[in-house]
Amino acid sequence: MPVLMEKQKDIFFEEDDLPYEEDILRNPYSVKCWLRYLEFKKLASRNVVNMIYERALKELPGSYKLWYNYLKLRRRQVKGKCINDPAVEDVCNAHERALVFMHKMPRIWLDYCQFLMDQCRITKTRRTCDKALRALPITQHYRIWPLYLKFAKMYDLPESAVRIYRRNLKLQKENTEDYIEYLKSIDWLDEAAKRLVNIIDDDSYISKEGKSKHQLWNELCELVAKNPDKVTSLKIEPIIRQGLKRYTDQIGVLWNSMADYYIRGGHFERARDIYEEAIETVLTVRDFTQVFDAYAEFEKNVIGAKIQTMEETGASEEDDLDLELRLARLENLMDRRLLLLN
């Protein structure tokens, strides 16, 4: 038959609970006594177990073990519930109460942030992650950032994600390549190119992906050459010409990247100038073949585009002359191949 405690009239307990109640009356500040009681009552109703935890934490608000187990239990109790359920808000409040005392414990922050992420509470998750970074010493920040960055990439909120990444890179520069990949995924290619330049110029930077400076340089050239309309803050030609001096085994690829940049930008005459300069300056047969084949392909594509336009809109005398000029250019190029190669 339930017995009513005199001092705590709102708390009911069974007769079998008497030894445990007496134990905690004698030792109210002993974590072991409370844990023994909780172990005994683990099959009791949710409200009963929660009440014992609340009583324990009232006596021992600085106990990490009690808070950790209690919060874990509360999260499990609301698993699968609708995010609008009042019980979910109660669990959030329990975490907030815990962090008054446990604000230096990264595990509590991580569990709370993950719980909020699972509830899809975007603003509250972001603010809680920020609170965690402010509350924890900087030596513990590395534990928060992976979850924070994962959250940043979960939603289509590029402005927020970029700001979060920029803050992270002040502490963890090695994440720059992850940031560059994210920028590519959201089509912020100008920012991605600038970040690539920064890590290429930084002699102390070590790629987390194991990429050499050479590979990073090729990545930069490809990015800039293929997106002349999106990468506007960098000048491609000085960058690639610097690469021509540094990486002599990639001469042909770099020349083609520079010409490709001008072709994509619609500057065909400048692209021809680049190809001409390249085939006259390269020193190996391999590089010459790469450049010459790209040059010939470019001229063929120009002729093909002109013929298609003439078929669609009708040919004028001026168009015929232009087409003849383009054909003559291609023929001249092919006639010069052996001489240039020699």
Protein backbone atom coordinates (compact mmCIF):
# COMPACT_ATOMS: atom_id res chain seq x y z
CA MET A 1 0.00 0.00 0.00
CA PRO A 2 1.45 3.40 -0.90
CA VAL A 3 2.98 5.34 1.94
CA LEU A 4 2.99 9.13 2.01
CA MET A 5 6.12 10.87 3.14
CA GLU A 6 5.53 13.50 5.77
CA LYS A 7 8.16 15.96 4.65
CA GLN A 8 7.41 15.64 0.94
CA LYS A 9 3.67 15.23 0.69
CA ASP A 10 3.62 15.32 -3.10
CA ILE A 11 5.81 12.22 -3.44
CA PHE A 12 4.36 8.72 -3.24
CA PHE A 13 6.37 5.55 -2.89
CA GLU A 14 5.76 1.85 -2.38
CA GLU A 15 6.59 -0.07 0.76
CA ASP A 16 9.56 -1.72 -1.00
CA ASP A 17 11.01 1.76 -1.53
CA LEU A 18 11.43 2.39 2.20
CA PRO A 19 15.04 1.15 2.49
CA TYR A 20 16.09 3.34 -0.46
CA GLU A 21 14.20 6.35 0.86
CA GLU A 22 15.83 5.95 4.26
CA ASP A 23 19.20 5.59 2.56
CA ILE A 24 18.87 8.87 0.70
CA LEU A 25 17.49 10.61 3.78
CA ARG A 26 20.69 9.64 5.57
CA ASN A 27 22.92 10.41 2.55
CA PRO A 28 21.12 13.00 0.39
CA TYR A 29 24.39 14.09 -1.25
CA SER A 30 25.56 10.62 -2.25
CA VAL A 31 25.29 9.96 -5.99
CA LYS A 32 25.61 6.21 -5.38
CA CYS A 33 22.53 6.17 -3.14
CA TRP A 34 20.42 7.93 -5.77
CA LEU A 35 21.73 5.67 -8.55
CA ARG A 36 20.89 2.56 -6.52
CA TYR A 37 17.37 3.87 -6.03
CA LEU A 38 17.03 4.66 -9.72
CA GLU A 39 18.27 1.21 -10.70
CA PHE A 40 15.65 -0.33 -8.41
CA LYS A 41 12.88 1.80 -9.95
CA LYS A 42 13.98 1.49 -13.59
CA LEU A 43 10.82 -0.46 -14.52
CA ALA A 44 8.51 2.01 -12.82
CA SER A 45 6.37 4.50 -14.73
CA ARG A 46 7.96 7.38 -16.58
CA ASN A 47 6.69 9.99 -14.13
CA VAL A 48 8.02 8.11 -11.10
CA VAL A 49 11.54 7.74 -12.55
CA ASN A 50 11.62 11.35 -13.71
CA MET A 51 10.53 12.54 -10.26
CA ILE A 52 13.36 10.61 -8.58
CA TYR A 53 15.84 12.14 -10.99
CA GLU A 54 14.44 15.61 -10.29
CA ARG A 55 14.76 15.03 -6.54
CA ALA A 56 18.32 13.79 -6.95
CA LEU A 57 19.30 16.76 -9.10
CA LYS A 58 17.77 19.18 -6.62
CA GLU A 59 20.24 17.84 -4.05
CA LEU A 60 23.14 17.34 -6.48
CA PRO A 61 22.79 19.87 -9.32
CA GLY A 62 26.50 19.61 -10.13
CA SER A 63 26.50 15.87 -10.80
CA TYR A 64 27.43 15.19 -14.41
CA LYS A 65 26.51 11.52 -14.13
CA LEU A 66 22.97 12.25 -12.94
CA TRP A 67 22.36 14.94 -15.55
CA TYR A 68 23.78 12.81 -18.37
CA ASN A 69 21.64 9.77 -17.50
CA TYR A 70 18.53 11.89 -16.90
CA LEU A 71 18.78 13.77 -20.20
CA LYS A 72 19.47 10.55 -22.09
CA LEU A 73 16.33 9.04 -20.54
CA ARG A 74 14.22 12.12 -21.33
CA ARG A 75 15.34 12.12 -24.98
CA ARG A 76 14.50 8.44 -25.29
CA GLN A 77 11.04 9.08 -23.82
CA VAL A 78 10.09 11.52 -26.61
CA LYS A 79 11.70 9.62 -29.48
CA GLY A 80 9.30 9.48 -32.42
CA LYS A 81 6.96 12.13 -31.03
CA CYS A 82 5.81 15.11 -33.10
CA ILE A 83 8.03 18.16 -32.67
CA ASN A 84 4.98 20.14 -31.55
CA ASP A 85 4.35 17.77 -28.64
CA PRO A 86 4.65 19.61 -25.26
CA ALA A 87 6.80 16.73 -23.99
CA VAL A 88 9.48 17.64 -26.57
CA GLU A 89 9.57 21.22 -25.29
CA ASP A 90 9.88 19.86 -21.73
CA VAL A 91 12.96 17.91 -22.79
CA CYS A 92 14.47 21.08 -24.29
CA ASN A 93 13.81 22.87 -21.00
CA ALA A 94 15.50 20.06 -19.09
CA HIS A 95 18.61 20.51 -21.24
CA GLU A 96 18.56 24.26 -20.67
CA ARG A 97 18.39 23.68 -16.91
CA ALA A 98 21.23 21.18 -17.11
CA LEU A 99 23.45 23.63 -19.00
CA VAL A 100 23.20 26.15 -16.16
CA PHE A 101 25.47 23.75 -14.26
CA MET A 102 26.98 21.66 -17.09
CA HIS A 103 27.96 24.47 -19.50
CA LYS A 104 31.60 23.32 -19.50
CA MET A 105 30.69 19.78 -20.56
CA PRO A 106 30.88 19.36 -24.37
CA ARG A 107 28.99 16.05 -24.29
CA ILE A 108 25.86 17.74 -22.92
CA TRP A 109 26.07 20.45 -25.60
CA LEU A 110 26.55 17.87 -28.36
CA ASP A 111 23.59 15.75 -27.25
CA TYR A 112 21.38 18.83 -27.01
CA CYS A 113 22.42 20.13 -30.45
CA GLN A 114 21.86 16.71 -32.01
CA PHE A 115 18.44 16.52 -30.37
CA LEU A 116 17.51 19.92 -31.81
CA MET A 117 18.80 18.90 -35.25
CA ASP A 118 16.62 15.80 -35.13
CA GLN A 119 13.66 18.08 -34.34
CA CYS A 120 14.55 20.25 -37.39
CA ARG A 121 14.69 23.40 -35.24
CA ILE A 122 17.05 25.34 -37.46
CA THR A 123 17.32 28.67 -35.64
CA LYS A 124 17.44 27.12 -32.17
CA THR A 125 20.12 24.64 -33.30
CA ARG A 126 22.28 27.42 -34.71
CA ARG A 127 21.92 29.54 -31.59
CA THR A 128 22.65 26.58 -29.32
CA CYS A 129 25.81 25.73 -31.26
CA ASP A 130 26.90 29.35 -30.93
CA LYS A 131 26.21 29.24 -27.19
CA ALA A 132 28.28 26.08 -26.91
CA LEU A 133 31.25 27.73 -28.65
CA ARG A 134 30.98 30.74 -26.33
CA ALA A 135 30.66 28.63 -23.19
CA LEU A 136 33.38 26.06 -23.86
CA PRO A 137 37.12 26.83 -23.80
CA ILE A 138 38.69 27.05 -27.24
CA THR A 139 40.53 23.76 -26.64
CA GLN A 140 37.14 22.01 -26.68
CA HIS A 141 35.77 23.69 -29.81
CA TYR A 142 37.04 20.92 -32.07
CA ARG A 143 34.33 18.68 -30.56
CA ILE A 144 31.50 21.03 -31.50
CA TRP A 145 32.56 22.03 -35.02
CA PRO A 146 31.98 18.70 -36.86
CA LEU A 147 28.33 18.66 -35.75
CA TYR A 148 27.94 22.38 -36.46
CA LEU A 149 29.33 22.01 -39.99
CA LYS A 150 27.12 18.98 -40.62
CA PHE A 151 24.13 21.09 -39.58
CA ALA A 152 25.27 23.95 -41.85
CA LYS A 153 25.20 21.68 -44.92
CA MET A 154 21.85 20.05 -44.13
CA TYR A 155 19.68 22.89 -45.40
CA ASP A 156 19.62 25.15 -48.44
CA LEU A 157 20.88 28.18 -46.50
CA PRO A 158 24.13 29.10 -48.26
CA GLU A 159 24.59 32.49 -46.58
CA SER A 160 24.44 30.99 -43.09
CA ALA A 161 26.59 28.01 -44.03
CA VAL A 162 29.31 30.22 -45.56
CA ARG A 163 29.42 32.38 -42.43
CA ILE A 164 29.71 29.28 -40.25
CA TYR A 165 32.53 27.87 -42.41
CA ARG A 166 34.44 31.17 -42.36
CA ARG A 167 34.36 31.16 -38.56
CA ASN A 168 35.51 27.55 -38.47
CA LEU A 169 38.47 28.21 -40.79
CA LYS A 170 39.88 30.76 -38.34
CA LEU A 171 40.44 27.83 -35.97
CA GLN A 172 40.70 24.81 -38.27
CA LYS A 173 42.40 25.85 -41.50
CA GLU A 174 42.66 22.20 -42.55
CA ASN A 175 38.92 22.23 -43.37
CA THR A 176 39.48 24.61 -46.29
CA GLU A 177 39.12 21.87 -48.90
CA ASP A 178 35.76 20.80 -47.43
CA TYR A 179 34.69 24.44 -47.62
CA ILE A 180 35.81 24.66 -51.27
CA GLU A 181 33.78 21.55 -52.14
CA TYR A 182 30.76 23.05 -50.42
CA LEU A 183 31.20 26.32 -52.33
CA LYS A 184 31.31 24.37 -55.59
CA SER A 185 28.11 22.55 -54.64
CA ILE A 186 26.25 25.86 -54.12
CA ASP A 187 27.87 27.44 -57.21
CA TRP A 188 29.85 30.09 -55.28
CA LEU A 189 32.80 29.54 -57.60
CA ASP A 190 34.44 32.94 -57.15
CA GLU A 191 34.84 32.37 -53.42
CA ALA A 192 36.03 28.79 -54.09
CA ALA A 193 38.74 30.04 -56.48
CA LYS A 194 39.96 32.65 -53.97
CA ARG A 195 40.20 30.01 -51.23
CA LEU A 196 42.16 27.73 -53.58
CA VAL A 197 44.62 30.53 -54.31
CA ASN A 198 45.07 31.10 -50.57
CA ILE A 199 45.99 27.49 -49.79
CA ILE A 200 48.24 27.22 -52.84
CA ASP A 201 50.16 30.31 -51.73
CA ASP A 202 50.33 29.11 -48.10
CA ASP A 203 53.50 27.02 -47.77
CA SER A 204 52.42 25.78 -44.32
CA TYR A 205 49.13 24.33 -45.57
CA ILE A 206 48.93 20.51 -45.63
CA SER A 207 46.06 19.01 -47.59
CA LYS A 208 43.73 16.84 -45.51
CA GLU A 209 42.89 14.95 -48.71
CA GLY A 210 46.58 14.32 -49.41
CA LYS A 211 46.63 16.56 -52.49
CA SER A 212 49.90 18.10 -53.66
CA LYS A 213 50.28 21.76 -54.56
CA HIS A 214 50.43 20.58 -58.15
CA GLN A 215 47.00 18.92 -57.90
CA LEU A 216 45.53 21.98 -56.19
CA TRP A 217 46.96 24.17 -58.94
CA ASN A 218 45.38 22.02 -61.65
CA GLU A 219 42.09 22.15 -59.77
CA LEU A 220 42.27 25.95 -59.68
CA CYS A 221 43.08 26.22 -63.40
CA GLU A 222 40.23 23.90 -64.33
CA LEU A 223 37.78 25.76 -62.09
CA VAL A 224 38.68 29.19 -63.44
CA ALA A 225 38.99 28.12 -67.09
CA LYS A 226 35.59 26.45 -67.18
CA ASN A 227 33.72 29.23 -65.39
CA PRO A 228 34.93 32.59 -66.75
CA ASP A 229 31.55 34.21 -66.11
CA LYS A 230 31.42 33.13 -62.44
CA VAL A 231 35.03 33.59 -61.35
CA THR A 232 35.41 37.34 -61.69
CA SER A 233 37.82 38.39 -58.95
CA LEU A 234 40.83 36.49 -60.32
CA LYS A 235 42.84 37.04 -63.50
CA ILE A 236 43.36 33.68 -65.13
CA GLU A 237 46.28 34.52 -67.40
CA PRO A 238 48.81 35.56 -64.72
CA ILE A 239 47.83 32.52 -62.64
CA ILE A 240 48.37 30.05 -65.48
CA ARG A 241 51.56 31.71 -66.69
CA GLN A 242 52.93 31.33 -63.18
CA GLY A 243 51.96 27.66 -63.38
CA LEU A 244 53.81 27.31 -66.69
CA LYS A 245 57.02 28.28 -64.89
CA ARG A 246 56.37 26.06 -61.88
CA TYR A 247 54.98 22.85 -63.38
CA THR A 248 56.90 22.04 -66.53
CA ASP A 249 55.32 18.58 -66.82
CA GLN A 250 51.85 20.11 -67.32
CA ILE A 251 52.70 22.72 -69.96
CA GLY A 252 50.20 21.45 -72.56
CA VAL A 253 47.33 21.13 -70.08
CA LEU A 254 47.91 24.64 -68.72
CA TRP A 255 48.06 26.25 -72.18
CA ASN A 256 44.81 24.50 -73.11
CA SER A 257 43.19 25.68 -69.85
CA MET A 258 44.08 29.28 -70.65
CA ALA A 259 42.73 29.02 -74.20
CA ASP A 260 39.59 27.27 -72.91
CA TYR A 261 39.01 30.20 -70.55
CA TYR A 262 38.93 32.67 -73.46
CA ILE A 263 36.82 30.36 -75.63
CA ARG A 264 34.18 30.02 -72.92
CA GLY A 265 34.21 33.79 -72.52
CA GLY A 266 33.62 34.26 -76.26
CA HIS A 267 37.07 35.77 -76.96
CA PHE A 268 37.95 33.57 -79.92
CA GLU A 269 40.73 35.74 -81.36
CA ARG A 270 42.48 35.85 -78.00
CA ALA A 271 42.14 32.04 -77.75
CA ARG A 272 43.82 31.72 -81.17
CA ASP A 273 46.66 33.94 -79.99
CA ILE A 274 47.13 31.69 -76.96
CA TYR A 275 47.17 28.54 -79.09
CA GLU A 276 49.66 30.09 -81.52
CA GLU A 277 51.94 31.16 -78.68
CA ALA A 278 51.68 27.70 -77.13
CA ILE A 279 52.55 25.66 -80.23
CA GLU A 280 55.57 27.88 -80.86
CA THR A 281 56.92 27.68 -77.29
CA VAL A 282 56.28 24.10 -76.09
CA LEU A 283 59.39 21.92 -76.02
CA THR A 284 58.08 18.34 -76.04
CA VAL A 285 56.14 16.31 -78.58
CA ARG A 286 53.55 15.38 -75.95
CA ASP A 287 52.81 19.01 -75.07
CA PHE A 288 52.73 19.99 -78.73
CA THR A 289 50.27 17.20 -79.55
CA GLN A 290 47.98 18.20 -76.69
CA VAL A 291 47.91 21.85 -77.73
CA PHE A 292 47.70 21.23 -81.48
CA ASP A 293 44.82 18.75 -81.14
CA ALA A 294 42.92 21.20 -78.93
CA TYR A 295 43.62 24.03 -81.40
CA ALA A 296 42.38 21.97 -84.37
CA GLU A 297 39.28 20.88 -82.45
CA PHE A 298 38.55 24.51 -81.61
CA GLU A 299 38.75 25.53 -85.29
CA LYS A 300 36.51 22.62 -86.30
CA ASN A 301 33.94 23.61 -83.68
CA VAL A 302 33.99 27.22 -84.88
CA ILE A 303 33.36 26.06 -88.48
CA GLY A 304 30.61 23.68 -87.34
CA ALA A 305 28.88 26.44 -85.38
CA LYS A 306 29.05 28.77 -88.37
CA ILE A 307 27.56 26.17 -90.75
CA GLN A 308 24.73 25.45 -88.32
CA THR A 309 23.95 29.16 -87.99
CA MET A 310 23.91 29.57 -91.78
CA GLU A 311 21.51 26.63 -92.14
CA GLU A 312 19.15 28.06 -89.54
CA THR A 313 19.13 31.72 -90.61
CA GLY A 314 20.14 31.53 -94.25
CA ALA A 315 23.55 32.33 -95.76
CA SER A 316 24.55 35.80 -96.92
CA GLU A 317 27.59 36.71 -98.99
CA GLU A 318 29.35 37.91 -95.85
CA ASP A 319 28.67 34.55 -94.16
CA ASP A 320 30.15 32.68 -97.12
CA LEU A 321 33.33 34.77 -96.92
CA ASP A 322 33.55 34.22 -93.16
CA LEU A 323 33.15 30.47 -93.62
CA GLU A 324 35.84 30.39 -96.31
CA LEU A 325 38.18 32.28 -93.99
CA ARG A 326 37.59 29.77 -91.20
CA LEU A 327 38.15 26.82 -93.50
CA ALA A 328 41.36 28.44 -94.76
CA ARG A 329 42.54 28.88 -91.17
CA LEU A 330 41.98 25.19 -90.41
CA GLU A 331 43.67 24.10 -93.63
CA ASN A 332 46.62 26.35 -92.95
CA LEU A 333 46.94 24.95 -89.44
CA MET A 334 46.94 21.35 -90.66
CA ASP A 335 49.52 22.19 -93.38
CA ARG A 336 51.84 23.71 -90.75
CA ARG A 337 51.69 20.73 -88.41
CA LEU A 338 54.86 18.95 -89.59
CA LEU A 339 56.85 22.17 -89.78
CA LEU A 340 55.73 23.25 -86.29
CA LEU A 341 56.44 19.81 -84.85
CA ASN A 342 59.90 19.80 -86.43
